[in-house]
PDB file of N, CA and C in Angstrom:
ATOM      1  N   UNK A   1      -6.809  -6.460   6.001  1.00  0.00           N
ATOM      2  CA  UNK A   1      -5.415  -6.748   6.968  1.00  0.00           C
ATOM      3  C   UNK A   1      -4.627  -5.653   6.636  1.00  0.00           C
ATOM      4  N   UNK A   2      -3.833  -5.776   7.796  1.00  0.00           N
ATOM      5  CA  UNK A   2      -3.049  -4.222   8.039  1.00  0.00           C
ATOM      6  C   UNK A   2      -2.053  -4.874   7.449  1.00  0.00           C
ATOM      7  N   UNK A   3      -1.510  -3.712   7.091  1.00  0.00           N
ATOM      8  CA  UNK A   3      -0.099  -3.315   6.116  1.00  0.00           C
ATOM      9  C   UNK A   3       0.151  -2.205   6.296  1.00  0.00           C
ATOM     10  N   UNK A   4       1.941  -2.165   6.485  1.00  0.00           N
ATOM     11  CA  UNK A   4       2.959  -1.037   6.595  1.00  0.00           C
ATOM     12  C   UNK A   4       3.238  -0.153   5.189  1.00  0.00           C
ATOM     13  N   UNK A   5       3.337   1.023   5.180  1.00  0.00           N
ATOM     14  CA  UNK A   5       3.644   1.751   4.460  1.00  0.00           C
ATOM     15  C   UNK A   5       4.905   1.800   4.409  1.00  0.00           C
ATOM     16  N   UNK A   6       5.604   2.361   3.877  1.00  0.00           N
ATOM     17  CA  UNK A   6       6.856   2.825   4.286  1.00  0.00           C
ATOM     18  C   UNK A   6       7.665   3.121   2.849  1.00  0.00           C
ATOM     19  N   UNK A   7       8.664   3.803   2.583  1.00  0.00           N
ATOM     20  CA  UNK A   7       9.642   4.311   1.840  1.00  0.00           C
ATOM     21  C   UNK A   7      10.721   3.517   1.783  1.00  0.00           C
ATOM     22  N   UNK A   8      11.896   3.094   1.152  1.00  0.00           N
ATOM     23  CA  UNK A   8      13.023   1.834   0.803  1.00  0.00           C
ATOM     24  C   UNK A   8      13.656   2.915   0.759  1.00  0.00           C
ATOM     25  N   UNK A   9      14.927   2.637   0.462  1.00  0.00           N
ATOM     26  CA  UNK A   9      16.397   3.575   0.525  1.00  0.00           C
ATOM     27  C   UNK A   9      16.356   4.261  -0.570  1.00  0.00           C
ATOM     28  N   UNK A  10      16.034   3.979  -1.890  1.00  0.00           N
ATOM     29  CA  UNK A  10      16.188   4.252  -2.668  1.00  0.00           C
ATOM     30  C   UNK A  10      14.315   5.425  -2.964  1.00  0.00           C
ATOM     31  N   UNK A  11      13.960   5.350  -1.863  1.00  0.00           N
ATOM     32  CA  UNK A  11      12.245   6.059  -2.400  1.00  0.00           C
ATOM     33  C   UNK A  11      11.399   6.002  -2.497  1.00  0.00           C
ATOM     34  N   UNK A  12      11.428   4.440  -2.921  1.00  0.00           N
ATOM     35  CA  UNK A  12       9.978   4.067  -3.324  1.00  0.00           C
ATOM     36  C   UNK A  12       9.193   3.940  -2.693  1.00  0.00           C
ATOM     37  N   UNK A  13       7.386   3.293  -2.487  1.00  0.00           N
ATOM     38  CA  UNK A  13       6.629   3.339  -1.953  1.00  0.00           C
ATOM     39  C   UNK A  13       6.280   1.631  -1.679  1.00  0.00           C
ATOM     40  N   UNK A  14       6.795   0.918  -0.497  1.00  0.00           N
ATOM     41  CA  UNK A  14       6.719   0.091   0.308  1.00  0.00           C
ATOM     42  C   UNK A  14       5.656  -1.155   0.859  1.00  0.00           C
ATOM     43  N   UNK A  15       5.005  -1.623   0.863  1.00  0.00           N
ATOM     44  CA  UNK A  15       3.747  -2.249   1.517  1.00  0.00           C
ATOM     45  C   UNK A  15       4.356  -3.100   2.032  1.00  0.00           C
ATOM     46  N   UNK A  16       4.304  -4.030   3.220  1.00  0.00           N
ATOM     47  CA  UNK A  16       4.475  -4.963   3.769  1.00  0.00           C
ATOM     48  C   UNK A  16       3.449  -5.146   4.430  1.00  0.00           C
ATOM     49  N   UNK A  17       2.966  -6.820   4.368  1.00  0.00           N
ATOM     50  CA  UNK A  17       2.113  -7.567   4.641  1.00  0.00           C
ATOM     51  C   UNK A  17       2.519  -8.230   5.828  1.00  0.00           C
ATOM     52  N   UNK A  18       2.224  -8.396   7.748  1.00  0.00           N
ATOM     53  CA  UNK A  18       2.503  -9.158   7.892  1.00  0.00           C
ATOM     54  C   UNK A  18       2.567 -10.413   8.476  1.00  0.00           C
ATOM     55  N   UNK A  19       1.707 -10.948   7.968  1.00  0.00           N
ATOM     56  CA  UNK A  19       0.429 -11.695   7.717  1.00  0.00           C
ATOM     57  C   UNK A  19       1.273 -12.502   6.716  1.00  0.00           C
ATOM     58  N   UNK A  20       1.181 -12.134   6.407  1.00  0.00           N
ATOM     59  CA  UNK A  20       2.127 -13.546   4.335  1.00  0.00           C
ATOM     60  C   UNK A  20       3.049 -12.923   4.658  1.00  0.00           C
ATOM     61  N   UNK A  21       4.080 -11.622   5.382  1.00  0.00           N
ATOM     62  CA  UNK A  21       6.094 -11.910   5.291  1.00  0.00           C
ATOM     63  C   UNK A  21       6.074 -11.267   3.826  1.00  0.00           C
ATOM     64  N   UNK A  22       5.436 -11.016   3.704  1.00  0.00           N
ATOM     65  CA  UNK A  22       5.696 -10.040   2.219  1.00  0.00           C
ATOM     66  C   UNK A  22       6.279  -8.765   1.842  1.00  0.00           C
ATOM     67  N   UNK A  23       6.884  -8.232   1.531  1.00  0.00           N
ATOM     68  CA  UNK A  23       6.971  -6.846   1.600  1.00  0.00           C
ATOM     69  C   UNK A  23       7.418  -6.866  -0.343  1.00  0.00           C
ATOM     70  N   UNK A  24       6.689  -5.759  -0.616  1.00  0.00           N
ATOM     71  CA  UNK A  24       6.357  -5.199  -2.351  1.00  0.00           C
ATOM     72  C   UNK A  24       6.204  -4.148  -2.536  1.00  0.00           C
ATOM     73  N   UNK A  25       7.323  -3.952  -3.123  1.00  0.00           N
ATOM     74  CA  UNK A  25       6.952  -1.935  -3.937  1.00  0.00           C
ATOM     75  C   UNK A  25       5.882  -1.995  -4.566  1.00  0.00           C
ATOM     76  N   UNK A  26       5.286  -0.403  -4.432  1.00  0.00           N
ATOM     77  CA  UNK A  26       4.240  -0.227  -4.783  1.00  0.00           C
ATOM     78  C   UNK A  26       4.811   0.306  -6.959  1.00  0.00           C
ATOM     79  N   UNK A  27       4.471  -0.164  -7.761  1.00  0.00           N
ATOM     80  CA  UNK A  27       3.887   0.445  -9.225  1.00  0.00           C
ATOM     81  C   UNK A  27       3.191   0.774  -9.855  1.00  0.00           C
ATOM     82  N   UNK A  28       2.275   1.221  -9.196  1.00  0.00           N
ATOM     83  CA  UNK A  28       1.106   1.830  -9.729  1.00  0.00           C
ATOM     84  C   UNK A  28      -0.014   2.362  -8.437  1.00  0.00           C
ATOM     85  N   UNK A  29      -0.280   3.860  -8.667  1.00  0.00           N
ATOM     86  CA  UNK A  29      -1.571   4.243  -7.690  1.00  0.00           C
ATOM     87  C   UNK A  29      -2.787   4.898  -8.749  1.00  0.00           C
ATOM     88  N   UNK A  30      -3.872   4.583  -8.135  1.00  0.00           N
ATOM     89  CA  UNK A  30      -5.054   5.001  -8.682  1.00  0.00           C
ATOM     90  C   UNK A  30      -5.571   5.563  -7.671  1.00  0.00           C
ATOM     91  N   UNK A  31      -6.790   6.879  -8.222  1.00  0.00           N
ATOM     92  CA  UNK A  31      -7.290   7.812  -6.873  1.00  0.00           C
ATOM     93  C   UNK A  31      -8.710   6.751  -7.535  1.00  0.00           C
ATOM     94  N   UNK A  32      -9.642   6.390  -6.855  1.00  0.00           N
ATOM     95  CA  UNK A  32     -10.694   5.568  -7.074  1.00  0.00           C
ATOM     96  C   UNK A  32     -12.321   6.676  -6.229  1.00  0.00           C
ATOM     97  N   UNK A  33     -13.209   6.233  -6.364  1.00  0.00           N
ATOM     98  CA  UNK A  33     -14.651   7.399  -5.444  1.00  0.00           C
ATOM     99  C   UNK A  33     -14.480   6.391  -3.936  1.00  0.00           C
ATOM    100  N   UNK A  34     -13.860   5.490  -3.973  1.00  0.00           N
ATOM    101  CA  UNK A  34     -13.820   5.183  -2.827  1.00  0.00           C
ATOM    102  C   UNK A  34     -12.158   4.766  -2.154  1.00  0.00           C
ATOM    103  N   UNK A  35     -11.426   5.094  -2.521  1.00  0.00           N
ATOM    104  CA  UNK A  35     -10.225   5.529  -1.795  1.00  0.00           C
ATOM    105  C   UNK A  35      -8.904   5.712  -3.250  1.00  0.00           C
ATOM    106  N   UNK A  36      -8.100   4.744  -2.310  1.00  0.00           N
ATOM    107  CA  UNK A  36      -6.991   4.458  -3.367  1.00  0.00           C
ATOM    108  C   UNK A  36      -6.552   3.348  -3.595  1.00  0.00           C
ATOM    109  N   UNK A  37      -6.706   2.416  -4.934  1.00  0.00           N
ATOM    110  CA  UNK A  37      -5.812   1.108  -5.096  1.00  0.00           C
ATOM    111  C   UNK A  37      -4.208   1.805  -5.541  1.00  0.00           C
ATOM    112  N   UNK A  38      -3.588   0.463  -5.039  1.00  0.00           N
ATOM    113  CA  UNK A  38      -2.230   0.162  -5.560  1.00  0.00           C
ATOM    114  C   UNK A  38      -2.133  -1.100  -5.550  1.00  0.00           C
ATOM    115  N   UNK A  39      -1.318  -1.147  -6.910  1.00  0.00           N
ATOM    116  CA  UNK A  39      -1.211  -2.495  -7.471  1.00  0.00           C
ATOM    117  C   UNK A  39       0.647  -2.363  -6.554  1.00  0.00           C
ATOM    118  N   UNK A  40       0.775  -3.719  -6.025  1.00  0.00           N
ATOM    119  CA  UNK A  40       2.602  -4.307  -5.684  1.00  0.00           C
ATOM    120  C   UNK A  40       3.508  -5.160  -7.162  1.00  0.00           C
ATOM    121  N   UNK A  41       4.107  -5.177  -6.814  1.00  0.00           N
ATOM    122  CA  UNK A  41       5.497  -5.813  -7.452  1.00  0.00           C
ATOM    123  C   UNK A  41       4.935  -7.183  -8.305  1.00  0.00           C
ATOM    124  N   UNK A  42       4.445  -7.816  -7.449  1.00  0.00           N
ATOM    125  CA  UNK A  42       4.193  -9.332  -7.738  1.00  0.00           C
ATOM    126  C   UNK A  42       2.404  -9.071  -8.003  1.00  0.00           C
ATOM    127  N   UNK A  43       1.643  -8.008  -8.483  1.00  0.00           N
ATOM    128  CA  UNK A  43       0.782  -8.241  -8.810  1.00  0.00           C
ATOM    129  C   UNK A  43      -0.952  -8.309  -8.044  1.00  0.00           C
ATOM    130  N   UNK A  44      -0.588  -8.845  -6.797  1.00  0.00           N
ATOM    131  CA  UNK A  44      -1.318  -7.951  -6.138  1.00  0.00           C
ATOM    132  C   UNK A  44      -2.361  -6.093  -6.158  1.00  0.00           C
ATOM    133  N   UNK A  45      -3.560  -6.065  -6.093  1.00  0.00           N
ATOM    134  CA  UNK A  45      -4.434  -4.964  -5.925  1.00  0.00           C
ATOM    135  C   UNK A  45      -4.950  -4.909  -4.721  1.00  0.00           C
ATOM    136  N   UNK A  46      -4.114  -3.199  -4.217  1.00  0.00           N
ATOM    137  CA  UNK A  46      -5.031  -3.621  -2.678  1.00  0.00           C
ATOM    138  C   UNK A  46      -5.318  -2.307  -2.601  1.00  0.00           C
ATOM    139  N   UNK A  47      -6.895  -2.229  -1.624  1.00  0.00           N
ATOM    140  CA  UNK A  47      -7.700  -0.403  -1.516  1.00  0.00           C
ATOM    141  C   UNK A  47      -7.222  -0.289  -0.210  1.00  0.00           C
ATOM    142  N   UNK A  48      -7.395   1.036  -0.175  1.00  0.00           N
ATOM    143  CA  UNK A  48      -7.571   1.445   0.981  1.00  0.00           C
ATOM    144  C   UNK A  48      -8.116   3.020   0.778  1.00  0.00           C
ATOM    145  N   UNK A  49      -8.875   2.801   1.731  1.00  0.00           N
ATOM    146  CA  UNK A  49     -10.250   3.874   2.348  1.00  0.00           C
ATOM    147  C   UNK A  49      -9.612   5.000   3.414  1.00  0.00           C
ATOM    148  N   UNK A  50     -10.195   6.087   3.169  1.00  0.00           N
ATOM    149  CA  UNK A  50      -9.133   7.049   4.205  1.00  0.00           C
ATOM    150  C   UNK A  50      -8.177   7.358   4.368  1.00  0.00           C
ATOM    151  N   UNK A  51      -6.336   6.813   3.198  1.00  0.00           N
ATOM    152  CA  UNK A  51      -6.307   8.005   3.424  1.00  0.00           C
ATOM    153  C   UNK A  51      -5.011   9.488   3.130  1.00  0.00           C
ATOM    154  N   UNK A  52      -4.942   9.970   4.408  1.00  0.00           N
ATOM    155  CA  UNK A  52      -4.278  11.446   4.160  1.00  0.00           C
ATOM    156  C   UNK A  52      -2.846  11.600   3.122  1.00  0.00           C
ATOM    157  N   UNK A  53      -3.628  12.937   2.347  1.00  0.00           N
ATOM    158  CA  UNK A  53      -2.592  13.483   1.640  1.00  0.00           C
ATOM    159  C   UNK A  53      -1.736  14.772   2.520  1.00  0.00           C
ATOM    160  N   UNK A  54      -0.615  14.187   2.372  1.00  0.00           N
ATOM    161  CA  UNK A  54       0.038  13.906   1.612  1.00  0.00           C
ATOM    162  C   UNK A  54       0.714  12.839   2.678  1.00  0.00           C
ATOM    163  N   UNK A  55       1.459  11.207   2.893  1.00  0.00           N
ATOM    164  CA  UNK A  55       1.120  10.173   3.842  1.00  0.00           C
ATOM    165  C   UNK A  55       2.446  10.663   4.209  1.00  0.00           C
ATOM    166  N   UNK A  56       1.444  10.282   5.818  1.00  0.00           N
ATOM    167  CA  UNK A  56       3.519  10.769   7.251  1.00  0.00           C
ATOM    168  C   UNK A  56       3.740   8.735   6.779  1.00  0.00           C
ATOM    169  N   UNK A  57       5.305   8.184   6.693  1.00  0.00           N
ATOM    170  CA  UNK A  57       5.274   7.539   6.487  1.00  0.00           C
ATOM    171  C   UNK A  57       6.478   7.056   7.741  1.00  0.00           C
ATOM    172  N   UNK A  58       6.494   5.477   8.339  1.00  0.00           N
ATOM    173  CA  UNK A  58       6.070   4.638   8.048  1.00  0.00           C
ATOM    174  C   UNK A  58       4.350   4.858   8.893  1.00  0.00           C
ATOM    175  N   UNK A  59       3.809   3.910   7.860  1.00  0.00           N
ATOM    176  CA  UNK A  59       2.287   4.162   8.432  1.00  0.00           C
ATOM    177  C   UNK A  59       1.838   2.553   8.485  1.00  0.00           C
ATOM    178  N   UNK A  60       1.289   2.191   9.733  1.00  0.00           N
ATOM    179  CA  UNK A  60       0.546   0.416   9.664  1.00  0.00           C
ATOM    180  C   UNK A  60      -1.786   1.568   8.864  1.00  0.00           C
ATOM    181  N   UNK A  61      -1.829   0.988   8.256  1.00  0.00           N
ATOM    182  CA  UNK A  61      -3.502   1.187   7.386  1.00  0.00           C
ATOM    183  C   UNK A  61      -4.331  -0.497   7.846  1.00  0.00           C
ATOM    184  N   UNK A  62      -5.066  -0.237   7.138  1.00  0.00           N
ATOM    185  CA  UNK A  62      -5.490  -1.258   6.882  1.00  0.00           C
ATOM    186  C   UNK A  62      -6.186  -1.569   5.630  1.00  0.00           C
ATOM    187  N   UNK A  63      -5.895  -2.028   4.831  1.00  0.00           N
ATOM    188  CA  UNK A  63      -5.862  -1.911   3.929  1.00  0.00           C
ATOM    189  C   UNK A  63      -7.710  -3.636   2.973  1.00  0.00           C
ATOM    190  N   UNK A  64      -7.770  -3.719   1.686  1.00  0.00           N
ATOM    191  CA  UNK A  64      -8.442  -5.310   1.561  1.00  0.00           C
ATOM    192  C   UNK A  64      -7.713  -4.896   0.303  1.00  0.00           C
ATOM    193  N   UNK A  65      -7.586  -6.669  -0.280  1.00  0.00           N
ATOM    194  CA  UNK A  65      -6.673  -7.129  -1.631  1.00  0.00           C
ATOM    195  C   UNK A  65      -8.374  -6.873  -2.349  1.00  0.00           C
ATOM    196  N   UNK A  66      -7.344  -7.122  -2.924  1.00  0.00           N
ATOM    197  CA  UNK A  66      -9.063  -6.676  -4.257  1.00  0.00           C
ATOM    198  C   UNK A  66      -8.759  -7.748  -5.335  1.00  0.00           C
ATOM    199  N   UNK A  67      -7.237  -8.285  -5.822  1.00  0.00           N
ATOM    200  CA  UNK A  67      -7.144  -8.870  -6.700  1.00  0.00           C
ATOM    201  C   UNK A  67      -5.706  -9.620  -6.924  1.00  0.00           C
TER     202      UNK A  67
END
């Protein structure tokens, strides 16, 4: 699914999922062998492949929901 990554007014990373009309803060980030996994405040875990570091935001990227 396509998601948009951006920073909110207080500087926290936020993920917006347009198809679900969902916007949540990222509460945890993990590096894996395949890329990065971000845990959202609502408990969703999203896997991202090939995110460049440092992130230039806002950015629309492809993600997979794993939990």
